[in-house]
Amino acid sequence: MQEKTLQRDILPHRDKLYRLALSITLHTAEAEDVVQDTMMQAWNHRNEWDEIANMGGWLSQICRRLALDRRQRMDRMSSLPDPTQQADRHTAFTGSDITFEQRERLTTICDMMESLPPPQNDVIRLRDIEGMTYKDIANELSLTEEQVKVYLFRARQRIKTAYSKIENYGL
């Protein structure tokens, strides 16, 4: 087996890690910092790289933990979110300017995704945001493809139900 290297085995995951961090922190600069911190932690554990079977999954776990910690810290620091941060997140996701109403809908759906339990949250993010296949998600999260499909179905149902309550004013 070939020894793992930073260039070949770690750096190709940067974009995926950035999207993960952005979906959690909701701010581009914070997401960039999380990715940098993830790379630093990976580098600090470089003597363990050859023992890691799924480098992408390992990096995603580090990134997710760091992003959640940063998001909690940010939430504690300010009680009201900065509207420019929300705009940054949605412009990054859509690649264009969006209306206030669209931004509010996206914010609501992203908040609902974040409130899902970890397997559902991870599965829906990887499938619907990252566009990964069921097989790749199963490998990344150490699940079966059937489990991935069940978690995805349940996650979508929870979001659909919660969103319809909001859109129908609880009626």
N, C-alpha and C. Protein backbone atom coordinates (compact mmCIF):
# COMPACT_ATOMS: atom_id res chain seq x y z
N MET A 1 0.83 -1.18 0.00
CA MET A 1 0.00 0.00 0.00
C MET A 1 0.88 1.25 0.00
N GLN A 2 0.48 2.22 -0.81
CA GLN A 2 1.25 3.43 -0.96
C GLN A 2 1.02 4.38 0.22
N GLU A 3 2.08 5.03 0.67
CA GLU A 3 1.98 5.96 1.79
C GLU A 3 1.15 7.17 1.38
N LYS A 4 0.29 7.63 2.28
CA LYS A 4 -0.59 8.75 1.99
C LYS A 4 0.17 10.07 2.09
N THR A 5 -0.20 11.02 1.20
CA THR A 5 0.47 12.31 1.16
C THR A 5 -0.57 13.43 1.26
N LEU A 6 -0.11 14.59 1.67
CA LEU A 6 -0.97 15.76 1.76
C LEU A 6 -1.52 16.13 0.39
N GLN A 7 -0.68 16.20 -0.59
CA GLN A 7 -1.09 16.62 -1.93
C GLN A 7 -2.11 15.66 -2.56
N ARG A 8 -1.89 14.40 -2.44
CA ARG A 8 -2.72 13.41 -3.11
C ARG A 8 -3.96 13.01 -2.31
N ASP A 9 -3.85 12.93 -0.99
CA ASP A 9 -4.92 12.34 -0.19
C ASP A 9 -5.70 13.32 0.68
N ILE A 10 -5.16 14.49 0.94
CA ILE A 10 -5.83 15.43 1.84
C ILE A 10 -6.40 16.63 1.07
N LEU A 11 -5.55 17.31 0.31
CA LEU A 11 -5.97 18.54 -0.36
C LEU A 11 -7.13 18.39 -1.33
N PRO A 12 -7.31 17.27 -2.01
CA PRO A 12 -8.46 17.16 -2.91
C PRO A 12 -9.82 17.26 -2.21
N HIS A 13 -9.85 17.16 -0.90
CA HIS A 13 -11.10 17.22 -0.15
C HIS A 13 -11.47 18.65 0.28
N ARG A 14 -10.64 19.63 -0.05
CA ARG A 14 -10.86 21.01 0.41
C ARG A 14 -12.23 21.57 0.02
N ASP A 15 -12.62 21.41 -1.24
CA ASP A 15 -13.90 22.00 -1.68
C ASP A 15 -15.07 21.38 -0.94
N LYS A 16 -15.05 20.07 -0.79
CA LYS A 16 -16.13 19.39 -0.07
C LYS A 16 -16.17 19.85 1.39
N LEU A 17 -15.01 20.00 2.00
CA LEU A 17 -14.94 20.45 3.38
C LEU A 17 -15.44 21.89 3.52
N TYR A 18 -15.12 22.71 2.53
CA TYR A 18 -15.59 24.10 2.54
C TYR A 18 -17.12 24.15 2.49
N ARG A 19 -17.70 23.37 1.59
CA ARG A 19 -19.17 23.36 1.47
C ARG A 19 -19.81 22.87 2.77
N LEU A 20 -19.21 21.86 3.38
CA LEU A 20 -19.71 21.36 4.66
C LEU A 20 -19.63 22.46 5.72
N ALA A 21 -18.48 23.09 5.83
CA ALA A 21 -18.29 24.14 6.84
C ALA A 21 -19.24 25.32 6.58
N LEU A 22 -19.42 25.69 5.33
CA LEU A 22 -20.31 26.79 4.98
C LEU A 22 -21.76 26.46 5.34
N SER A 23 -22.15 25.23 5.12
CA SER A 23 -23.53 24.86 5.44
C SER A 23 -23.79 24.87 6.94
N ILE A 24 -22.75 24.80 7.74
CA ILE A 24 -22.91 24.81 9.19
C ILE A 24 -22.68 26.20 9.78
N THR A 25 -21.61 26.87 9.37
CA THR A 25 -21.27 28.17 9.96
C THR A 25 -22.09 29.31 9.39
N LEU A 26 -22.56 29.15 8.15
CA LEU A 26 -23.39 30.15 7.48
C LEU A 26 -22.62 31.41 7.09
N HIS A 27 -21.30 31.35 7.08
CA HIS A 27 -20.51 32.53 6.72
C HIS A 27 -19.23 32.08 6.01
N THR A 28 -18.93 32.73 4.91
CA THR A 28 -17.81 32.29 4.07
C THR A 28 -16.46 32.37 4.79
N ALA A 29 -16.21 33.46 5.49
CA ALA A 29 -14.91 33.60 6.16
C ALA A 29 -14.76 32.56 7.27
N GLU A 30 -15.83 32.30 8.01
CA GLU A 30 -15.78 31.29 9.07
C GLU A 30 -15.54 29.91 8.47
N ALA A 31 -16.20 29.63 7.35
CA ALA A 31 -16.03 28.33 6.69
C ALA A 31 -14.58 28.15 6.24
N GLU A 32 -13.99 29.21 5.70
CA GLU A 32 -12.58 29.13 5.29
C GLU A 32 -11.68 28.84 6.48
N ASP A 33 -11.97 29.49 7.60
CA ASP A 33 -11.18 29.25 8.82
C ASP A 33 -11.33 27.81 9.29
N VAL A 34 -12.55 27.28 9.22
CA VAL A 34 -12.79 25.89 9.65
C VAL A 34 -12.00 24.93 8.77
N VAL A 35 -12.00 25.16 7.46
CA VAL A 35 -11.25 24.29 6.56
C VAL A 35 -9.76 24.35 6.88
N GLN A 36 -9.26 25.55 7.13
CA GLN A 36 -7.85 25.69 7.49
C GLN A 36 -7.55 24.94 8.79
N ASP A 37 -8.42 25.08 9.78
CA ASP A 37 -8.23 24.37 11.04
C ASP A 37 -8.29 22.85 10.84
N THR A 38 -9.18 22.42 9.95
CA THR A 38 -9.29 20.99 9.64
C THR A 38 -7.98 20.49 9.03
N MET A 39 -7.44 21.25 8.10
CA MET A 39 -6.17 20.86 7.47
C MET A 39 -5.03 20.83 8.49
N MET A 40 -5.05 21.77 9.42
CA MET A 40 -4.02 21.79 10.46
C MET A 40 -4.13 20.56 11.37
N GLN A 41 -5.36 20.20 11.74
CA GLN A 41 -5.53 19.00 12.57
C GLN A 41 -5.11 17.75 11.81
N ALA A 42 -5.46 17.71 10.54
CA ALA A 42 -5.05 16.56 9.73
C ALA A 42 -3.52 16.48 9.68
N TRP A 43 -2.88 17.60 9.48
CA TRP A 43 -1.42 17.63 9.41
C TRP A 43 -0.81 17.19 10.74
N ASN A 44 -1.39 17.63 11.83
CA ASN A 44 -0.88 17.26 13.16
C ASN A 44 -1.01 15.76 13.43
N HIS A 45 -1.90 15.09 12.70
CA HIS A 45 -2.09 13.65 12.87
C HIS A 45 -1.56 12.87 11.66
N ARG A 46 -0.61 13.45 10.96
CA ARG A 46 -0.09 12.83 9.72
C ARG A 46 0.55 11.46 9.95
N ASN A 47 1.04 11.20 11.15
CA ASN A 47 1.63 9.89 11.42
C ASN A 47 0.56 8.79 11.48
N GLU A 48 -0.73 9.17 11.53
CA GLU A 48 -1.83 8.20 11.59
C GLU A 48 -2.51 8.01 10.23
N TRP A 49 -2.12 8.77 9.21
CA TRP A 49 -2.80 8.74 7.92
C TRP A 49 -2.89 7.35 7.31
N ASP A 50 -1.83 6.58 7.41
CA ASP A 50 -1.83 5.26 6.77
C ASP A 50 -2.81 4.29 7.43
N GLU A 51 -3.23 4.59 8.65
CA GLU A 51 -4.18 3.73 9.36
C GLU A 51 -5.63 4.10 9.03
N ILE A 52 -5.84 5.24 8.36
CA ILE A 52 -7.20 5.73 8.07
C ILE A 52 -7.66 5.17 6.73
N ALA A 53 -8.75 4.40 6.78
CA ALA A 53 -9.26 3.76 5.57
C ALA A 53 -10.04 4.74 4.69
N ASN A 54 -10.81 5.63 5.31
CA ASN A 54 -11.64 6.56 4.55
C ASN A 54 -11.21 7.99 4.92
N MET A 55 -10.28 8.53 4.17
CA MET A 55 -9.72 9.85 4.47
C MET A 55 -10.79 10.94 4.38
N GLY A 56 -11.66 10.86 3.38
CA GLY A 56 -12.71 11.86 3.23
C GLY A 56 -13.66 11.87 4.41
N GLY A 57 -14.04 10.71 4.87
CA GLY A 57 -14.92 10.61 6.02
C GLY A 57 -14.27 11.14 7.28
N TRP A 58 -13.00 10.82 7.46
CA TRP A 58 -12.25 11.28 8.63
C TRP A 58 -12.14 12.80 8.63
N LEU A 59 -11.80 13.36 7.48
CA LEU A 59 -11.69 14.82 7.37
C LEU A 59 -13.05 15.49 7.58
N SER A 60 -14.10 14.88 7.06
CA SER A 60 -15.45 15.44 7.22
C SER A 60 -15.86 15.46 8.69
N GLN A 61 -15.51 14.43 9.43
CA GLN A 61 -15.83 14.40 10.86
C GLN A 61 -15.11 15.52 11.60
N ILE A 62 -13.85 15.72 11.29
CA ILE A 62 -13.08 16.80 11.92
C ILE A 62 -13.71 18.14 11.57
N CYS A 63 -13.98 18.33 10.30
CA CYS A 63 -14.54 19.59 9.81
C CYS A 63 -15.91 19.86 10.45
N ARG A 64 -16.74 18.87 10.49
CA ARG A 64 -18.09 19.03 11.06
C ARG A 64 -18.02 19.43 12.52
N ARG A 65 -17.16 18.75 13.27
CA ARG A 65 -17.00 19.06 14.70
C ARG A 65 -16.50 20.50 14.89
N LEU A 66 -15.48 20.90 14.11
CA LEU A 66 -14.94 22.25 14.22
C LEU A 66 -15.97 23.29 13.81
N ALA A 67 -16.72 23.02 12.75
CA ALA A 67 -17.73 23.97 12.28
C ALA A 67 -18.86 24.13 13.30
N LEU A 68 -19.29 23.02 13.89
CA LEU A 68 -20.34 23.10 14.91
C LEU A 68 -19.86 23.88 16.12
N ASP A 69 -18.61 23.65 16.53
CA ASP A 69 -18.05 24.40 17.66
C ASP A 69 -18.01 25.89 17.35
N ARG A 70 -17.57 26.22 16.13
CA ARG A 70 -17.47 27.62 15.73
C ARG A 70 -18.86 28.25 15.65
N ARG A 71 -19.83 27.51 15.12
CA ARG A 71 -21.20 28.02 15.02
C ARG A 71 -21.78 28.28 16.40
N GLN A 72 -21.55 27.38 17.34
CA GLN A 72 -22.04 27.59 18.71
C GLN A 72 -21.39 28.82 19.33
N ARG A 73 -20.11 28.98 19.10
CA ARG A 73 -19.39 30.14 19.62
C ARG A 73 -19.95 31.43 19.01
N MET A 74 -20.21 31.41 17.71
CA MET A 74 -20.77 32.58 17.03
C MET A 74 -22.17 32.89 17.56
N ASP A 75 -22.97 31.85 17.77
CA ASP A 75 -24.33 32.04 18.27
C ASP A 75 -24.32 32.66 19.67
N ARG A 76 -23.38 32.24 20.48
CA ARG A 76 -23.28 32.80 21.83
C ARG A 76 -22.85 34.26 21.78
N MET A 77 -22.02 34.61 20.81
CA MET A 77 -21.48 35.97 20.72
C MET A 77 -22.52 36.98 20.25
N SER A 78 -23.45 36.56 19.44
CA SER A 78 -24.46 37.51 18.97
C SER A 78 -25.84 36.88 19.01
N SER A 79 -26.78 37.59 19.53
CA SER A 79 -28.13 37.04 19.62
C SER A 79 -28.88 37.19 18.30
N LEU A 80 -28.51 38.18 17.50
CA LEU A 80 -29.16 38.38 16.20
C LEU A 80 -28.17 38.09 15.09
N PRO A 81 -28.56 37.29 14.09
CA PRO A 81 -27.65 37.01 12.98
C PRO A 81 -27.45 38.24 12.10
N ASP A 82 -26.28 38.37 11.56
CA ASP A 82 -25.95 39.46 10.65
C ASP A 82 -26.53 39.15 9.28
N PRO A 83 -27.39 40.01 8.72
CA PRO A 83 -28.03 39.72 7.44
C PRO A 83 -27.01 39.52 6.31
N THR A 84 -25.85 40.16 6.40
CA THR A 84 -24.85 39.97 5.34
C THR A 84 -24.29 38.57 5.36
N GLN A 85 -24.23 37.94 6.54
CA GLN A 85 -23.77 36.56 6.62
C GLN A 85 -24.75 35.63 5.94
N GLN A 86 -26.05 35.88 6.14
CA GLN A 86 -27.06 35.06 5.49
C GLN A 86 -26.95 35.21 3.98
N ALA A 87 -26.76 36.43 3.50
CA ALA A 87 -26.64 36.66 2.06
C ALA A 87 -25.42 35.94 1.51
N ASP A 88 -24.30 35.97 2.25
CA ASP A 88 -23.09 35.28 1.80
C ASP A 88 -23.35 33.80 1.62
N ARG A 89 -24.02 33.18 2.57
CA ARG A 89 -24.26 31.74 2.50
C ARG A 89 -25.10 31.40 1.28
N HIS A 90 -26.19 32.14 1.06
CA HIS A 90 -27.09 31.78 -0.02
C HIS A 90 -26.52 32.14 -1.38
N THR A 91 -25.75 33.20 -1.48
CA THR A 91 -25.09 33.52 -2.73
C THR A 91 -24.08 32.43 -3.05
N ALA A 92 -23.38 31.92 -2.03
CA ALA A 92 -22.42 30.84 -2.26
C ALA A 92 -23.12 29.57 -2.74
N PHE A 93 -24.31 29.27 -2.20
CA PHE A 93 -25.03 28.06 -2.60
C PHE A 93 -25.61 28.19 -4.00
N THR A 94 -26.16 29.36 -4.32
CA THR A 94 -26.86 29.51 -5.60
C THR A 94 -26.00 30.12 -6.68
N GLY A 95 -24.96 30.84 -6.30
CA GLY A 95 -24.09 31.45 -7.29
C GLY A 95 -24.68 32.71 -7.89
N SER A 96 -25.77 33.25 -7.34
CA SER A 96 -26.36 34.47 -7.87
C SER A 96 -27.09 35.21 -6.76
N ASP A 97 -27.50 36.43 -7.08
CA ASP A 97 -28.28 37.20 -6.12
C ASP A 97 -29.68 36.61 -6.04
N ILE A 98 -30.23 36.63 -4.83
CA ILE A 98 -31.58 36.10 -4.64
C ILE A 98 -32.42 37.13 -3.91
N THR A 99 -33.72 36.99 -4.01
CA THR A 99 -34.61 37.93 -3.35
C THR A 99 -34.66 37.66 -1.86
N PHE A 100 -35.21 38.64 -1.13
CA PHE A 100 -35.35 38.50 0.31
C PHE A 100 -36.19 37.28 0.66
N GLU A 101 -37.29 37.09 -0.05
CA GLU A 101 -38.18 35.96 0.21
C GLU A 101 -37.47 34.62 -0.02
N GLN A 102 -36.71 34.53 -1.10
CA GLN A 102 -35.96 33.31 -1.38
C GLN A 102 -34.91 33.07 -0.30
N ARG A 103 -34.26 34.13 0.13
CA ARG A 103 -33.24 34.02 1.18
C ARG A 103 -33.87 33.51 2.47
N GLU A 104 -35.04 34.02 2.81
CA GLU A 104 -35.72 33.57 4.01
C GLU A 104 -36.11 32.09 3.92
N ARG A 105 -36.58 31.66 2.77
CA ARG A 105 -36.93 30.26 2.59
C ARG A 105 -35.70 29.36 2.73
N LEU A 106 -34.61 29.77 2.09
CA LEU A 106 -33.37 28.99 2.19
C LEU A 106 -32.86 28.93 3.62
N THR A 107 -32.93 30.05 4.31
CA THR A 107 -32.50 30.08 5.71
C THR A 107 -33.34 29.11 6.54
N THR A 108 -34.64 29.13 6.33
CA THR A 108 -35.54 28.24 7.06
C THR A 108 -35.21 26.78 6.78
N ILE A 109 -35.04 26.44 5.52
CA ILE A 109 -34.75 25.05 5.15
C ILE A 109 -33.38 24.63 5.69
N CYS A 110 -32.38 25.49 5.59
CA CYS A 110 -31.05 25.16 6.12
C CYS A 110 -31.11 24.96 7.64
N ASP A 111 -31.87 25.80 8.32
CA ASP A 111 -32.02 25.64 9.77
C ASP A 111 -32.70 24.32 10.10
N MET A 112 -33.69 23.95 9.30
CA MET A 112 -34.37 22.67 9.50
C MET A 112 -33.40 21.51 9.28
N MET A 113 -32.56 21.62 8.26
CA MET A 113 -31.58 20.56 7.99
C MET A 113 -30.62 20.41 9.17
N GLU A 114 -30.19 21.54 9.71
CA GLU A 114 -29.26 21.50 10.84
C GLU A 114 -29.88 20.91 12.09
N SER A 115 -31.20 21.02 12.21
CA SER A 115 -31.87 20.51 13.41
C SER A 115 -32.14 19.00 13.33
N LEU A 116 -31.89 18.40 12.17
CA LEU A 116 -32.09 16.95 12.03
C LEU A 116 -31.04 16.20 12.85
N PRO A 117 -31.35 14.99 13.29
CA PRO A 117 -30.34 14.19 13.99
C PRO A 117 -29.17 13.88 13.05
N PRO A 118 -27.97 13.65 13.60
CA PRO A 118 -26.77 13.49 12.79
C PRO A 118 -26.86 12.54 11.58
N PRO A 119 -27.37 11.36 11.66
CA PRO A 119 -27.34 10.58 10.42
C PRO A 119 -28.19 11.21 9.32
N GLN A 120 -29.37 11.73 9.68
CA GLN A 120 -30.24 12.33 8.68
C GLN A 120 -29.63 13.62 8.15
N ASN A 121 -29.08 14.43 9.03
CA ASN A 121 -28.45 15.69 8.63
C ASN A 121 -27.32 15.42 7.64
N ASP A 122 -26.46 14.48 7.96
CA ASP A 122 -25.33 14.17 7.10
C ASP A 122 -25.78 13.61 5.76
N VAL A 123 -26.75 12.72 5.78
CA VAL A 123 -27.21 12.07 4.55
C VAL A 123 -27.86 13.08 3.62
N ILE A 124 -28.74 13.94 4.14
CA ILE A 124 -29.42 14.90 3.27
C ILE A 124 -28.43 15.94 2.73
N ARG A 125 -27.45 16.32 3.53
CA ARG A 125 -26.44 17.27 3.06
C ARG A 125 -25.60 16.65 1.95
N LEU A 126 -25.16 15.42 2.17
CA LEU A 126 -24.31 14.77 1.17
C LEU A 126 -25.06 14.49 -0.14
N ARG A 127 -26.34 14.13 -0.03
CA ARG A 127 -27.12 13.80 -1.23
C ARG A 127 -27.64 15.04 -1.93
N ASP A 128 -28.29 15.93 -1.19
CA ASP A 128 -28.98 17.05 -1.82
C ASP A 128 -28.11 18.29 -2.03
N ILE A 129 -27.07 18.45 -1.25
CA ILE A 129 -26.18 19.60 -1.44
C ILE A 129 -24.91 19.18 -2.18
N GLU A 130 -24.29 18.10 -1.72
CA GLU A 130 -23.06 17.63 -2.36
C GLU A 130 -23.32 16.84 -3.64
N GLY A 131 -24.52 16.25 -3.77
CA GLY A 131 -24.85 15.48 -4.97
C GLY A 131 -24.18 14.12 -5.04
N MET A 132 -23.83 13.57 -3.89
CA MET A 132 -23.16 12.27 -3.86
C MET A 132 -24.15 11.14 -4.13
N THR A 133 -23.65 10.02 -4.61
CA THR A 133 -24.49 8.85 -4.85
C THR A 133 -24.76 8.14 -3.53
N TYR A 134 -25.78 7.27 -3.54
CA TYR A 134 -26.10 6.50 -2.34
C TYR A 134 -24.90 5.66 -1.90
N LYS A 135 -24.24 5.08 -2.87
CA LYS A 135 -23.08 4.24 -2.57
C LYS A 135 -21.97 5.04 -1.91
N ASP A 136 -21.67 6.22 -2.46
CA ASP A 136 -20.61 7.05 -1.90
C ASP A 136 -20.96 7.53 -0.49
N ILE A 137 -22.23 7.86 -0.29
CA ILE A 137 -22.67 8.29 1.05
C ILE A 137 -22.54 7.13 2.03
N ALA A 138 -22.94 5.94 1.59
CA ALA A 138 -22.83 4.77 2.46
C ALA A 138 -21.37 4.53 2.86
N ASN A 139 -20.46 4.65 1.92
CA ASN A 139 -19.03 4.48 2.22
C ASN A 139 -18.53 5.57 3.15
N GLU A 140 -18.94 6.80 2.89
CA GLU A 140 -18.47 7.94 3.69
C GLU A 140 -18.93 7.84 5.14
N LEU A 141 -20.18 7.40 5.35
CA LEU A 141 -20.75 7.37 6.69
C LEU A 141 -20.76 5.99 7.33
N SER A 142 -20.18 5.01 6.65
CA SER A 142 -20.14 3.63 7.14
C SER A 142 -21.55 3.10 7.40
N LEU A 143 -22.41 3.26 6.40
CA LEU A 143 -23.78 2.77 6.45
C LEU A 143 -24.02 1.87 5.25
N THR A 144 -25.16 1.17 5.25
CA THR A 144 -25.56 0.43 4.05
C THR A 144 -26.32 1.40 3.15
N GLU A 145 -26.45 1.05 1.88
CA GLU A 145 -27.20 1.91 0.95
C GLU A 145 -28.66 1.99 1.38
N GLU A 146 -29.20 0.91 1.91
CA GLU A 146 -30.59 0.92 2.38
C GLU A 146 -30.76 1.90 3.53
N GLN A 147 -29.80 1.92 4.46
CA GLN A 147 -29.87 2.86 5.57
C GLN A 147 -29.82 4.29 5.06
N VAL A 148 -28.97 4.54 4.07
CA VAL A 148 -28.88 5.88 3.48
C VAL A 148 -30.22 6.30 2.91
N LYS A 149 -30.88 5.41 2.17
CA LYS A 149 -32.18 5.72 1.57
C LYS A 149 -33.23 5.99 2.64
N VAL A 150 -33.23 5.20 3.71
CA VAL A 150 -34.20 5.39 4.79
C VAL A 150 -33.95 6.73 5.49
N TYR A 151 -32.70 7.02 5.84
CA TYR A 151 -32.38 8.29 6.49
C TYR A 151 -32.75 9.47 5.60
N LEU A 152 -32.48 9.36 4.32
CA LEU A 152 -32.79 10.44 3.39
C LEU A 152 -34.30 10.66 3.31
N PHE A 153 -35.05 9.57 3.19
CA PHE A 153 -36.51 9.68 3.13
C PHE A 153 -37.05 10.34 4.39
N ARG A 154 -36.60 9.89 5.54
CA ARG A 154 -37.08 10.44 6.81
C ARG A 154 -36.70 11.91 6.96
N ALA A 155 -35.49 12.25 6.55
CA ALA A 155 -35.05 13.64 6.65
C ALA A 155 -35.91 14.54 5.76
N ARG A 156 -36.13 14.11 4.54
CA ARG A 156 -36.95 14.91 3.62
C ARG A 156 -38.38 15.04 4.14
N GLN A 157 -38.92 13.97 4.71
CA GLN A 157 -40.28 14.02 5.25
C GLN A 157 -40.37 15.00 6.42
N ARG A 158 -39.38 14.96 7.29
CA ARG A 158 -39.38 15.88 8.44
C ARG A 158 -39.32 17.33 7.99
N ILE A 159 -38.47 17.60 7.01
CA ILE A 159 -38.35 18.97 6.51
C ILE A 159 -39.64 19.38 5.79
N LYS A 160 -40.18 18.50 4.99
CA LYS A 160 -41.42 18.80 4.27
C LYS A 160 -42.56 19.10 5.24
N THR A 161 -42.70 18.29 6.27
CA THR A 161 -43.76 18.49 7.26
C THR A 161 -43.56 19.80 8.02
N ALA A 162 -42.36 20.04 8.48
CA ALA A 162 -42.08 21.27 9.23
C ALA A 162 -42.26 22.51 8.35
N TYR A 163 -41.81 22.42 7.11
CA TYR A 163 -41.91 23.57 6.21
C TYR A 163 -43.37 23.86 5.85
N SER A 164 -44.15 22.82 5.63
CA SER A 164 -45.57 23.03 5.29
C SER A 164 -46.32 23.67 6.45
N LYS A 165 -45.93 23.35 7.68
CA LYS A 165 -46.55 24.00 8.84
C LYS A 165 -46.24 25.49 8.84
N ILE A 166 -45.02 25.85 8.50
CA ILE A 166 -44.63 27.26 8.47
C ILE A 166 -45.35 27.97 7.31
N GLU A 167 -45.35 27.37 6.15
CA GLU A 167 -45.99 27.99 4.99
C GLU A 167 -47.49 28.13 5.17
N ASN A 168 -48.11 27.22 5.90
CA ASN A 168 -49.56 27.26 6.11
C ASN A 168 -49.90 27.91 7.45
N TYR A 169 -48.93 28.60 8.05
CA TYR A 169 -49.12 29.29 9.33
C TYR A 169 -49.66 28.36 10.41
N GLY A 170 -49.20 27.14 10.39
CA GLY A 170 -49.59 26.18 11.42
C GLY A 170 -50.98 25.60 11.25
N LEU A 171 -51.63 25.90 10.12
CA LEU A 171 -53.00 25.40 9.88
C LEU A 171 -52.99 24.05 9.23
